[in-house]
Amino acid sequence: MANKHAITAVFLLSLGVWLFFYIAMPRAPLTAGELAVVVAICGAIVLGVQRVIAHFAKKDAPHDAALPDPKPPTADLDNRKS
């Protein structure tokens, strides 16, 4: 499921495109079918931008950040037999 920021971005981008066509062609605004296509394209753009940002964010992260912390070496000393 998309987060609130993505949904808001799709809504605002779609509204901007609709407003552009409403002002540019006031006698022939977008129909419901055309608006559905605009929303789908805006959704694809937003999700694509999110994936690109996530890709570069992972690339810039240090490699050790994804690995879990190893057990401290003293933890094994408690389990050994004398």
Protein backbone atom coordinates (compact mmCIF):
# COMPACT_ATOMS: atom_id res chain seq x y z
CA MET A 1 0.00 0.00 0.00
CA ALA A 2 1.27 3.46 -0.86
CA ASN A 3 2.05 5.90 1.90
CA LYS A 4 0.28 9.20 2.54
CA HIS A 5 2.97 11.23 0.82
CA ALA A 6 2.67 9.24 -2.41
CA ILE A 7 -1.11 9.51 -2.44
CA THR A 8 -0.89 13.25 -1.81
CA ALA A 9 1.69 13.65 -4.59
CA VAL A 10 -0.49 11.73 -7.07
CA PHE A 11 -3.51 13.82 -6.10
CA LEU A 12 -1.68 17.14 -6.43
CA LEU A 13 0.01 16.19 -9.69
CA SER A 14 -3.30 15.01 -11.16
CA LEU A 15 -5.04 18.15 -9.98
CA GLY A 16 -2.32 20.26 -11.60
CA VAL A 17 -2.71 18.46 -14.93
CA TRP A 18 -6.51 18.74 -14.75
CA LEU A 19 -6.25 22.47 -13.91
CA PHE A 20 -3.88 23.01 -16.83
CA PHE A 21 -6.31 21.45 -19.30
CA TYR A 22 -9.27 23.21 -17.68
CA ILE A 23 -7.60 26.61 -18.15
CA ALA A 24 -6.09 25.83 -21.57
CA MET A 25 -9.33 24.38 -23.01
CA PRO A 26 -12.28 25.69 -20.95
CA ARG A 27 -14.88 24.46 -23.47
CA ALA A 28 -13.56 20.89 -23.51
CA PRO A 29 -12.31 19.86 -20.04
CA LEU A 30 -11.06 16.35 -19.40
CA THR A 31 -13.68 13.61 -19.40
CA ALA A 32 -13.85 10.96 -16.67
CA GLY A 33 -11.97 8.46 -18.83
CA GLU A 34 -9.23 10.94 -19.68
CA LEU A 35 -8.93 11.90 -16.02
CA ALA A 36 -8.52 8.23 -15.07
CA VAL A 37 -5.65 7.96 -17.54
CA VAL A 38 -4.08 11.14 -16.11
CA VAL A 39 -4.31 9.75 -12.56
CA ALA A 40 -2.77 6.43 -13.65
CA ILE A 41 0.12 8.18 -15.40
CA CYS A 42 0.70 10.47 -12.41
CA GLY A 43 0.69 7.42 -10.13
CA ALA A 44 3.24 5.68 -12.31
CA ILE A 45 5.44 8.79 -12.29
CA VAL A 46 5.29 9.15 -8.50
CA LEU A 47 6.01 5.45 -7.87
CA GLY A 48 8.86 5.54 -10.39
CA VAL A 49 10.41 8.55 -8.69
CA GLN A 50 10.07 6.81 -5.32
CA ARG A 51 11.89 3.73 -6.63
CA VAL A 52 14.71 5.84 -8.07
CA ILE A 53 15.09 7.72 -4.78
CA ALA A 54 15.07 4.45 -2.81
CA HIS A 55 17.68 2.98 -5.16
CA PHE A 56 20.06 5.88 -4.70
CA ALA A 57 19.41 6.02 -0.95
CA LYS A 58 20.46 2.37 -0.67
CA LYS A 59 23.52 3.02 -2.82
CA ASP A 60 24.68 5.87 -0.57
CA ALA A 61 24.06 3.99 2.70
CA PRO A 62 27.06 2.36 4.36
CA HIS A 63 27.25 -1.37 3.68
CA ASP A 64 27.46 -2.28 7.38
CA ALA A 65 24.12 -0.62 8.13
CA ALA A 66 22.17 -3.52 6.64
CA LEU A 67 23.98 -6.21 8.62
CA PRO A 68 22.81 -7.18 12.11
CA ASP A 69 25.14 -6.65 15.03
CA PRO A 70 27.33 -9.73 15.61
CA LYS A 71 27.32 -11.48 18.97
CA PRO A 72 29.97 -10.17 21.28
CA PRO A 73 32.86 -12.63 21.61
CA THR A 74 32.38 -12.92 25.39
CA ALA A 75 28.92 -14.49 24.97
CA ASP A 76 30.48 -17.81 23.91
CA LEU A 77 32.76 -17.90 26.95
CA ASP A 78 29.79 -18.42 29.27
CA ASN A 79 28.74 -21.64 27.48
CA ARG A 80 32.09 -23.45 27.44
CA LYS A 81 32.90 -26.29 29.83
CA SER A 82 35.79 -26.07 32.31
